[in-house]
């Protein structure tokens, strides 16, 4: 069969068939008396084999090796092609994400595009100093896409860089709040903690609402960070979690300070004092926790807290009794 007929039947152009021949992939078995290429049935089968492997993404220069190698194993080839394809898709997705972020920045000209590219590259730099500079500059010089800032802060392990990224996010508005809230659902504990710490520094009611939802999170670390943040915002609903933190001794001093802030409202102060007393009278509360609870009553105003301290000053636990007595004297001095 001559080259033109082969091209017509196979769908492979004559030019490509000549290219295959130049690479040694498919050589016509014979020539006519006029010197035209003549393909045998076996040659045509090989053309279809080449096209099949090419459709899987295998480079032409490797196809010959695959077809001619006696020990060739299809499974190894397919596994390799799957890996290459996944890598290519990942690279394309990364490029698409970068383009979408540049587009979201609404560049006015090519200078803006180049600055955005430089900023995104700096945020992904291996240098902590470069990442920190990029975070700090993103608030004023080149506004960074919120998605890029959220991705960066959820991955950042350097405390100083993470702080700069949280600061930049807080200045970017509410757009990052939803994305950070999604980070709370990550299967990675460190990512969940970074997400809640970033939410804690986000201003506005939307962030506060997300933090209130986080009080019911299954991750205790997320609950604690949310409670501390809400305590400083005056959200009384954080009090039960803060009291738990005092009992557990996890950020207990910070939790007591947050309770003190909440207690500026008289009604809330009584509820906090009652909550502390309830834990003090719980038989399962151990001595170290009872001492921390007594200390937490120090800055809780009102009659409920005072009465509790009077009772505690007569406790059999000497450390608790002495602490309560000391706190009563301080309250009297005030």
Protein backbone atom coordinates (compact mmCIF):
# COMPACT_ATOMS: atom_id res chain seq x y z
CA UNK A 1 0.00 0.00 0.00
CA UNK A 2 1.42 3.37 -1.00
CA UNK A 3 1.86 6.25 1.41
CA UNK A 4 -1.14 8.22 0.13
CA UNK A 5 -3.50 5.28 0.61
CA UNK A 6 -2.05 4.57 4.06
CA UNK A 7 -2.58 8.21 5.03
CA UNK A 8 -6.18 8.11 3.80
CA UNK A 9 -7.06 4.90 5.63
CA UNK A 10 -5.19 5.53 8.86
CA UNK A 11 -5.89 9.23 9.27
CA UNK A 12 -2.17 9.88 9.73
CA UNK A 13 -0.89 12.49 7.30
CA UNK A 14 1.80 11.61 4.75
CA UNK A 15 3.99 14.25 6.36
CA UNK A 16 3.64 12.57 9.77
CA UNK A 17 4.34 9.16 8.24
CA UNK A 18 7.59 10.54 6.82
CA UNK A 19 8.38 11.96 10.28
CA UNK A 20 7.76 8.53 11.81
CA UNK A 21 10.18 7.08 9.29
CA UNK A 22 12.85 9.69 10.10
CA UNK A 23 12.59 8.71 13.77
CA UNK A 24 12.77 5.01 12.94
CA UNK A 25 9.28 4.38 14.32
CA UNK A 26 7.69 2.97 11.14
CA UNK A 27 9.79 2.10 8.12
CA UNK A 28 7.96 0.94 4.98
CA UNK A 29 8.94 -2.62 4.19
CA UNK A 30 9.47 -2.01 0.51
CA UNK A 31 9.68 0.32 -2.46
CA UNK A 32 7.96 0.20 -5.80
CA UNK A 33 9.91 0.09 -9.00
CA UNK A 34 9.48 3.87 -9.17
CA UNK A 35 10.90 4.27 -5.67
CA UNK A 36 7.63 5.00 -3.86
CA UNK A 37 7.24 3.81 -0.29
CA UNK A 38 5.20 0.66 0.05
CA UNK A 39 3.71 -0.36 3.41
CA UNK A 40 2.90 -3.93 4.37
CA UNK A 41 0.06 -5.06 6.62
CA UNK A 42 2.55 -5.35 9.50
CA UNK A 43 3.75 -1.79 8.85
CA UNK A 44 0.17 -0.51 9.05
CA UNK A 45 -0.42 -2.37 12.33
CA UNK A 46 2.67 -0.70 13.74
CA UNK A 47 1.33 2.70 12.64
CA UNK A 48 -1.84 2.06 14.63
CA UNK A 49 0.27 0.96 17.64
CA UNK A 50 2.24 4.20 17.42
CA UNK A 51 -0.95 6.27 17.22
CA UNK A 52 -2.47 4.43 20.20
CA UNK A 53 0.55 5.09 22.39
CA UNK A 54 0.72 8.68 21.18
CA UNK A 55 -2.93 9.18 22.21
CA UNK A 56 -1.93 8.21 25.77
CA UNK A 57 0.56 11.07 25.86
CA UNK A 58 3.74 9.06 25.35
CA UNK A 59 6.44 11.10 23.51
CA UNK A 60 7.32 9.82 20.04
CA UNK A 61 10.95 9.20 20.93
CA UNK A 62 9.85 6.81 23.70
CA UNK A 63 7.27 4.99 21.61
CA UNK A 64 9.93 3.20 19.55
CA UNK A 65 11.69 1.98 22.70
CA UNK A 66 8.40 0.70 24.11
CA UNK A 67 7.46 -1.17 20.92
CA UNK A 68 10.91 -2.67 20.37
CA UNK A 69 11.80 -3.54 23.97
CA UNK A 70 11.35 -7.29 24.55
CA UNK A 71 10.82 -6.94 28.30
CA UNK A 72 8.29 -4.12 28.00
CA UNK A 73 5.54 -4.27 30.66
CA UNK A 74 2.35 -2.30 29.89
CA UNK A 75 1.51 -1.77 33.55
CA UNK A 76 4.78 0.09 34.16
CA UNK A 77 4.11 2.31 31.15
CA UNK A 78 0.56 3.11 32.22
CA UNK A 79 1.66 3.87 35.78
CA UNK A 80 4.33 6.22 34.46
CA UNK A 81 1.84 7.95 32.16
CA UNK A 82 -0.62 8.39 35.04
CA UNK A 83 2.10 10.02 37.13
CA UNK A 84 3.12 12.35 34.29
CA UNK A 85 -0.48 13.30 33.59
CA UNK A 86 -1.15 14.10 37.24
CA UNK A 87 1.96 16.25 37.38
CA UNK A 88 0.89 18.06 34.22
CA UNK A 89 -2.63 18.63 35.56
CA UNK A 90 -1.22 19.92 38.86
CA UNK A 91 1.03 22.34 36.97
CA UNK A 92 -1.88 23.52 34.82
CA UNK A 93 -4.11 23.98 37.90
CA UNK A 94 -1.37 25.98 39.58
CA UNK A 95 -1.10 28.20 36.51
CA UNK A 96 -4.89 28.61 36.37
CA UNK A 97 -4.99 29.58 40.05
CA UNK A 98 -2.23 32.15 39.53
CA UNK A 99 -4.01 33.65 36.53
CA UNK A 100 -7.33 33.84 38.39
CA UNK A 101 -5.65 35.60 41.30
CA UNK A 102 -4.00 38.13 39.02
CA UNK A 103 -7.35 38.70 37.32
CA UNK A 104 -9.03 39.22 40.72
CA UNK A 105 -6.52 41.98 41.47
CA UNK A 106 -7.98 43.87 38.45
CA UNK A 107 -4.65 45.03 37.01
CA UNK A 108 -4.85 48.30 35.08
CA UNK A 109 -1.76 47.67 32.96
CA UNK A 110 1.16 45.30 32.47
CA UNK A 111 3.07 46.94 35.32
CA UNK A 112 0.28 45.90 37.68
CA UNK A 113 0.36 42.38 36.27
CA UNK A 114 4.12 42.13 36.77
CA UNK A 115 3.87 43.46 40.33
CA UNK A 116 1.14 40.93 41.12
CA UNK A 117 3.26 38.11 39.69
CA UNK A 118 6.24 39.22 41.77
CA UNK A 119 4.10 39.38 44.92
CA UNK A 120 2.63 35.92 44.39
CA UNK A 121 6.10 34.50 43.76
CA UNK A 122 7.39 36.16 46.95
CA UNK A 123 4.51 34.71 49.00
CA UNK A 124 5.59 31.26 47.79
CA UNK A 125 9.30 31.88 48.32
CA UNK A 126 11.46 29.51 50.36
CA UNK A 127 12.86 32.56 52.15
CA UNK A 128 10.93 33.52 55.29
CA UNK A 129 12.19 37.11 54.98
CA UNK A 130 10.85 37.34 51.41
CA UNK A 131 7.46 35.96 52.47
CA UNK A 132 7.27 38.41 55.37
CA UNK A 133 8.16 41.39 53.16
CA UNK A 134 5.53 40.31 50.66
CA UNK A 135 2.89 40.07 53.37
CA UNK A 136 3.73 43.51 54.74
CA UNK A 137 3.82 45.13 51.31
CA UNK A 138 0.55 43.53 50.21
CA UNK A 139 -1.50 45.89 52.31
CA UNK A 140 -0.26 49.07 50.64
CA UNK A 141 2.00 48.68 47.61
CA UNK A 142 0.43 45.77 45.72
CA UNK A 143 -2.90 44.46 47.04
CA UNK A 144 -2.58 40.68 47.22
CA UNK A 145 -5.53 38.49 46.23
CA UNK A 146 -7.26 37.36 49.42
CA UNK A 147 -7.17 33.73 48.26
CA UNK A 148 -3.37 33.91 48.05
CA UNK A 149 -3.08 35.39 51.55
CA UNK A 150 -5.38 32.73 53.02
CA UNK A 151 -3.47 29.92 51.31
CA UNK A 152 -0.19 31.38 52.54
CA UNK A 153 -1.30 31.83 56.15
CA UNK A 154 -2.74 28.31 56.35
CA UNK A 155 0.61 26.88 55.21
CA UNK A 156 2.96 29.19 57.10
CA UNK A 157 5.09 27.68 59.88
CA UNK A 158 7.30 30.69 60.73
CA UNK A 159 5.64 32.68 63.57
CA UNK A 160 6.80 36.11 62.37
CA UNK A 161 5.68 35.50 58.81
CA UNK A 162 2.36 34.08 60.01
CA UNK A 163 1.81 37.20 62.10
CA UNK A 164 2.49 39.44 59.10
CA UNK A 165 0.09 37.42 56.97
CA UNK A 166 -2.66 37.60 59.61
CA UNK A 167 -2.13 41.36 59.78
CA UNK A 168 -2.42 41.67 56.00
CA UNK A 169 -5.56 39.55 55.99
CA UNK A 170 -7.16 41.64 58.74
CA UNK A 171 -6.61 44.73 56.59
CA UNK A 172 -8.04 43.09 53.47
CA UNK A 173 -11.67 43.17 54.64
CA UNK A 174 -14.19 40.38 55.17
CA UNK A 175 -13.45 38.48 51.96
CA UNK A 176 -11.03 36.10 53.64
CA UNK A 177 -13.40 35.12 56.45
CA UNK A 178 -15.25 32.42 54.52
CA UNK A 179 -12.03 30.88 53.22
CA UNK A 180 -10.52 30.83 56.70
CA UNK A 181 -13.67 29.19 58.05
CA UNK A 182 -13.24 26.46 55.44
CA UNK A 183 -9.76 25.92 56.88
CA UNK A 184 -11.40 24.90 60.17
CA UNK A 185 -12.59 21.77 58.39
CA UNK A 186 -9.09 20.70 57.36
CA UNK A 187 -8.03 17.17 58.40
CA UNK A 188 -4.68 18.68 59.49
CA UNK A 189 -4.69 19.99 63.07
CA UNK A 190 -2.01 22.61 62.39
CA UNK A 191 -4.05 24.07 59.52
CA UNK A 192 -7.16 24.26 61.73
CA UNK A 193 -5.19 26.13 64.38
CA UNK A 194 -3.78 28.60 61.84
CA UNK A 195 -7.28 29.16 60.49
CA UNK A 196 -8.83 29.95 63.88
CA UNK A 197 -5.92 32.17 64.91
CA UNK A 198 -6.34 34.13 61.69
CA UNK A 199 -10.10 34.40 62.22
CA UNK A 200 -9.42 35.72 65.71
CA UNK A 201 -7.66 38.73 64.21
CA UNK A 202 -10.27 39.40 61.52
CA UNK A 203 -12.53 42.35 62.33
CA UNK A 204 -16.28 42.46 61.89
CA UNK A 205 -19.39 40.51 62.75
CA UNK A 206 -18.83 37.87 60.07
CA UNK A 207 -15.60 36.75 61.74
CA UNK A 208 -17.27 36.85 65.17
CA UNK A 209 -20.07 34.61 63.88
CA UNK A 210 -17.53 32.11 62.55
CA UNK A 211 -15.75 32.14 65.91
CA UNK A 212 -19.03 31.50 67.74
CA UNK A 213 -19.59 28.48 65.50
CA UNK A 214 -16.05 27.34 66.34
CA UNK A 215 -16.98 27.09 70.04
CA UNK A 216 -18.72 23.82 69.14
CA UNK A 217 -15.80 22.49 67.08
CA UNK A 218 -14.59 18.96 67.77
CA UNK A 219 -10.99 20.22 68.02
CA UNK A 220 -10.31 21.53 71.54
CA UNK A 221 -7.50 23.80 70.28
CA UNK A 222 -9.93 25.50 67.89
CA UNK A 223 -12.47 25.93 70.69
CA UNK A 224 -9.88 27.52 72.98
CA UNK A 225 -8.62 30.03 70.42
CA UNK A 226 -12.19 30.93 69.49
CA UNK A 227 -13.16 31.43 73.13
CA UNK A 228 -10.17 33.67 73.85
CA UNK A 229 -10.91 35.81 70.81
CA UNK A 230 -14.60 36.09 71.64
CA UNK A 231 -13.82 36.90 75.26
CA UNK A 232 -11.83 39.96 74.20
CA UNK A 233 -14.79 40.95 72.00
CA UNK A 234 -17.20 40.75 74.92
CA UNK A 235 -19.10 37.69 73.73
CA UNK A 236 -20.61 36.14 76.86
CA UNK A 237 -21.20 32.84 75.06
CA UNK A 238 -17.47 32.13 75.34
CA UNK A 239 -17.58 31.94 79.15
CA UNK A 240 -18.26 28.16 79.51
CA UNK A 241 -15.31 27.30 77.27
CA UNK A 242 -13.09 29.77 79.11
CA UNK A 243 -14.04 28.18 82.43
CA UNK A 244 -13.18 24.77 80.97
CA UNK A 245 -9.79 26.16 80.02
CA UNK A 246 -9.20 27.34 83.61
CA UNK A 247 -10.09 23.87 84.91
CA UNK A 248 -7.87 22.12 82.39
CA UNK A 249 -4.99 24.54 82.88
CA UNK A 250 -4.78 25.17 79.11
CA UNK A 251 -4.00 28.86 78.61
CA UNK A 252 -5.60 29.25 82.02
CA UNK A 253 -4.18 32.71 82.71
CA UNK A 254 -5.37 34.04 79.36
CA UNK A 255 -8.77 32.44 79.94
CA UNK A 256 -9.06 34.09 83.39
CA UNK A 257 -8.16 37.46 81.84
CA UNK A 258 -10.86 36.98 79.18
CA UNK A 259 -13.40 36.10 81.89
CA UNK A 260 -12.43 39.27 83.71
CA UNK A 261 -13.11 41.27 80.55
CA UNK A 262 -16.52 39.65 80.15
CA UNK A 263 -17.31 40.33 83.81
CA UNK A 264 -17.47 44.07 83.18
CA UNK A 265 -21.18 43.45 82.59
CA UNK A 266 -22.84 42.79 86.01
CA UNK A 267 -25.26 40.13 84.74
CA UNK A 268 -22.47 38.30 82.94
CA UNK A 269 -20.25 38.61 86.03
CA UNK A 270 -22.84 36.74 88.12
CA UNK A 271 -23.13 33.99 85.53
CA UNK A 272 -19.35 33.61 85.37
CA UNK A 273 -19.06 33.51 89.16
CA UNK A 274 -21.80 30.88 89.32
CA UNK A 275 -20.04 28.82 86.64
CA UNK A 276 -16.74 28.97 88.54
CA UNK A 277 -18.42 28.00 91.80
CA UNK A 278 -20.24 25.09 90.17
CA UNK A 279 -16.93 23.69 89.01
CA UNK A 280 -15.39 24.27 92.45
CA UNK A 281 -18.12 22.25 94.13
CA UNK A 282 -17.94 19.44 91.57
CA UNK A 283 -16.46 16.38 93.30
CA UNK A 284 -14.54 15.46 90.15
CA UNK A 285 -12.58 18.74 90.15
CA UNK A 286 -9.05 18.08 91.38
CA UNK A 287 -7.04 20.26 93.77
CA UNK A 288 -4.87 22.10 91.18
CA UNK A 289 -7.97 22.99 89.17
CA UNK A 290 -9.80 24.19 92.32
CA UNK A 291 -6.90 26.54 93.04
CA UNK A 292 -7.01 27.93 89.50
CA UNK A 293 -10.77 28.43 89.75
CA UNK A 294 -10.32 30.29 93.04
CA UNK A 295 -7.71 32.53 91.45
CA UNK A 296 -10.05 33.18 88.52
CA UNK A 297 -12.60 34.64 90.97
CA UNK A 298 -10.15 37.43 91.78
CA UNK A 299 -11.27 39.82 89.06
CA UNK A 300 -14.93 38.82 88.93
CA UNK A 301 -16.93 41.59 90.62
CA UNK A 302 -20.23 41.17 92.43
CA UNK A 303 -21.77 39.53 95.46
CA UNK A 304 -21.78 36.02 94.01
CA UNK A 305 -18.00 35.97 93.66
CA UNK A 306 -17.51 37.56 97.11
CA UNK A 307 -19.73 34.99 98.83
CA UNK A 308 -17.88 32.20 97.10
CA UNK A 309 -14.53 33.54 98.31
CA UNK A 310 -15.85 33.75 101.90
CA UNK A 311 -16.82 30.09 101.79
CA UNK A 312 -13.53 29.11 100.18
CA UNK A 313 -11.54 30.91 102.89
CA UNK A 314 -12.77 28.21 105.28
CA UNK A 315 -11.81 25.35 102.97
CA UNK A 316 -9.92 22.34 104.18
CA UNK A 317 -7.61 22.73 101.20
CA UNK A 318 -5.06 25.11 102.68
CA UNK A 319 -3.85 26.50 99.33
CA UNK A 320 -7.42 27.35 98.30
CA UNK A 321 -8.26 28.82 101.72
CA UNK A 322 -5.17 31.04 101.79
CA UNK A 323 -5.76 32.23 98.22
CA UNK A 324 -9.42 33.04 98.96
CA UNK A 325 -8.47 34.89 102.14
CA UNK A 326 -5.87 36.95 100.28
CA UNK A 327 -8.35 37.80 97.52
CA UNK A 328 -10.96 38.87 100.05
CA UNK A 329 -8.47 41.27 101.61
CA UNK A 330 -7.72 42.73 98.18
CA UNK A 331 -11.45 43.20 97.52
CA UNK A 332 -11.80 44.89 100.89
CA UNK A 333 -8.90 47.20 100.14
CA UNK A 334 -10.59 48.28 96.93
